Amino acid sequence: MPSSLRSVAASAAFVFLAGLVLWPPRVVYWTRLAAVVGEPVTLGVVCFLALVLGAAFAHVTDVDVRSVAAGGVVAYLVGMALIETALTPDSPVHLVWYAALGACLVGGTVLGIRVRAGRRRS
């Protein structure tokens, strides 16, 4: 997928939906896992899953890092505006957490592209 408005839009949709699936606002199903293994391990699991999703997205779409990063910024801004408007949260922690998820998704994309490039050289 060449770097273009279309690939940025696809990346924005991916990051937005991945954020909703990984950490849905007010429906955080990870609390059961956190009760068993603790919050740090749970956050690590979610970040690892974000890395895996990012790598899979890079593998499936042949997207470039700039498009995913730009799409991630768009998804973040739209998502945070929606959360602020619709949910009026008591704490700003969602701003940090969704930024971290976005960074993990972009990081996973970088890993996926590296793996893809390594396979092409072999």
Protein backbone atom coordinates (compact mmCIF):
# COMPACT_ATOMS: atom_id res chain seq x y z
CA MET A 1 0.00 0.00 0.00
CA PRO A 2 1.81 3.17 -1.13
CA SER A 3 2.04 6.18 1.16
CA SER A 4 -1.03 8.21 0.38
CA LEU A 5 -4.14 9.66 1.90
CA ARG A 6 -5.81 6.28 1.46
CA SER A 7 -3.13 4.43 3.43
CA VAL A 8 -3.26 7.06 6.18
CA ALA A 9 -7.05 6.69 6.34
CA ALA A 10 -6.78 2.89 6.46
CA SER A 11 -4.16 3.19 9.19
CA ALA A 12 -6.35 5.61 11.15
CA ALA A 13 -9.26 3.18 10.95
CA PHE A 14 -7.00 0.31 12.04
CA VAL A 15 -5.53 2.18 15.02
CA PHE A 16 -8.96 3.46 16.10
CA LEU A 17 -10.57 0.01 15.94
CA ALA A 18 -7.58 -1.71 17.53
CA GLY A 19 -7.74 0.76 20.42
CA LEU A 20 -11.43 0.01 20.88
CA VAL A 21 -10.85 -3.73 20.83
CA LEU A 22 -7.78 -3.69 23.08
CA TRP A 23 -9.14 -1.24 25.65
CA PRO A 24 -12.81 -0.36 25.13
CA PRO A 25 -13.87 2.74 27.08
CA ARG A 26 -15.85 1.88 30.22
CA VAL A 27 -15.98 -1.81 29.26
CA VAL A 28 -12.51 -2.82 30.31
CA TYR A 29 -12.63 -6.60 30.29
CA TRP A 30 -8.99 -6.82 31.36
CA THR A 31 -9.97 -6.21 34.99
CA ARG A 32 -10.44 -9.95 35.55
CA LEU A 33 -6.91 -10.65 34.35
CA ALA A 34 -5.56 -7.77 36.46
CA ALA A 35 -7.26 -9.24 39.53
CA VAL A 36 -5.32 -12.47 39.02
CA VAL A 37 -1.89 -11.39 37.75
CA GLY A 38 -1.76 -7.70 38.66
CA GLU A 39 -2.00 -4.47 36.73
CA PRO A 40 1.59 -4.29 35.43
CA VAL A 41 1.38 -7.75 33.85
CA THR A 42 -2.04 -6.95 32.39
CA LEU A 43 -0.77 -3.73 30.82
CA GLY A 44 2.19 -5.67 29.45
CA VAL A 45 -0.14 -8.23 27.87
CA VAL A 46 -2.24 -5.50 26.25
CA CYS A 47 0.88 -3.74 24.93
CA PHE A 48 2.22 -7.04 23.57
CA LEU A 49 -1.08 -7.67 21.80
CA ALA A 50 -0.89 -4.16 20.32
CA LEU A 51 2.61 -4.94 19.01
CA VAL A 52 1.35 -8.16 17.45
CA LEU A 53 -1.63 -6.40 15.86
CA GLY A 54 0.62 -3.69 14.46
CA ALA A 55 2.98 -6.28 12.97
CA ALA A 56 0.05 -8.19 11.47
CA PHE A 57 -1.35 -4.97 9.96
CA ALA A 58 2.02 -4.22 8.35
CA HIS A 59 2.23 -7.76 7.00
CA VAL A 60 -1.29 -7.79 5.54
CA THR A 61 -1.39 -4.27 4.10
CA ASP A 62 2.20 -3.56 3.04
CA VAL A 63 1.79 -0.15 4.71
CA ASP A 64 4.67 2.18 5.57
CA VAL A 65 5.50 3.51 9.04
CA ARG A 66 4.74 7.14 8.20
CA SER A 67 1.20 6.27 7.15
CA VAL A 68 0.57 4.31 10.34
CA ALA A 69 2.07 7.06 12.50
CA ALA A 70 -0.02 9.74 10.75
CA GLY A 71 -3.12 7.56 10.92
CA GLY A 72 -2.40 6.89 14.58
CA VAL A 73 -2.36 10.62 15.31
CA VAL A 74 -5.68 11.07 13.49
CA ALA A 75 -7.22 8.10 15.33
CA TYR A 76 -5.92 9.39 18.67
CA LEU A 77 -7.33 12.88 18.16
CA VAL A 78 -10.71 11.59 17.02
CA GLY A 79 -10.87 8.97 19.77
CA MET A 80 -9.91 11.34 22.56
CA ALA A 81 -12.41 13.95 21.34
CA LEU A 82 -15.13 11.29 21.34
CA ILE A 83 -14.19 10.06 24.81
CA GLU A 84 -14.09 13.61 26.21
CA THR A 85 -17.44 14.47 24.63
CA ALA A 86 -19.38 11.26 25.18
CA LEU A 87 -17.98 9.96 28.45
CA THR A 88 -16.63 13.03 30.27
CA PRO A 89 -14.00 11.03 32.20
CA ASP A 90 -12.95 12.00 35.72
CA SER A 91 -9.26 11.44 35.03
CA PRO A 92 -6.96 12.21 32.09
CA VAL A 93 -5.37 8.76 32.26
CA HIS A 94 -7.07 7.75 29.01
CA LEU A 95 -4.98 10.37 27.19
CA VAL A 96 -1.78 8.62 28.25
CA TRP A 97 -3.03 5.06 27.90
CA TYR A 98 -4.40 5.42 24.36
CA ALA A 99 -1.21 7.24 23.32
CA ALA A 100 0.78 4.27 24.66
CA LEU A 101 -1.46 1.84 22.78
CA GLY A 102 -0.98 3.85 19.60
CA ALA A 103 2.77 3.84 20.10
CA CYS A 104 2.72 0.06 20.55
CA LEU A 105 0.66 -0.35 17.38
CA VAL A 106 3.13 1.80 15.44
CA GLY A 107 6.03 -0.07 17.03
CA GLY A 108 4.48 -3.35 15.96
CA THR A 109 4.21 -1.99 12.45
CA VAL A 110 7.93 -1.19 12.50
CA LEU A 111 8.67 -4.76 13.62
CA GLY A 112 6.37 -6.17 10.94
CA ILE A 113 8.07 -4.12 8.24
CA ARG A 114 11.52 -5.25 9.45
CA VAL A 115 10.47 -8.88 9.34
CA ARG A 116 8.95 -8.39 5.89
CA ALA A 117 12.13 -6.71 4.62
CA GLY A 118 14.27 -9.51 6.05
CA ARG A 119 12.19 -12.14 4.28
CA ARG A 120 12.46 -10.30 0.98
CA ARG A 121 16.27 -10.22 1.26
CA SER A 122 16.50 -13.94 1.99
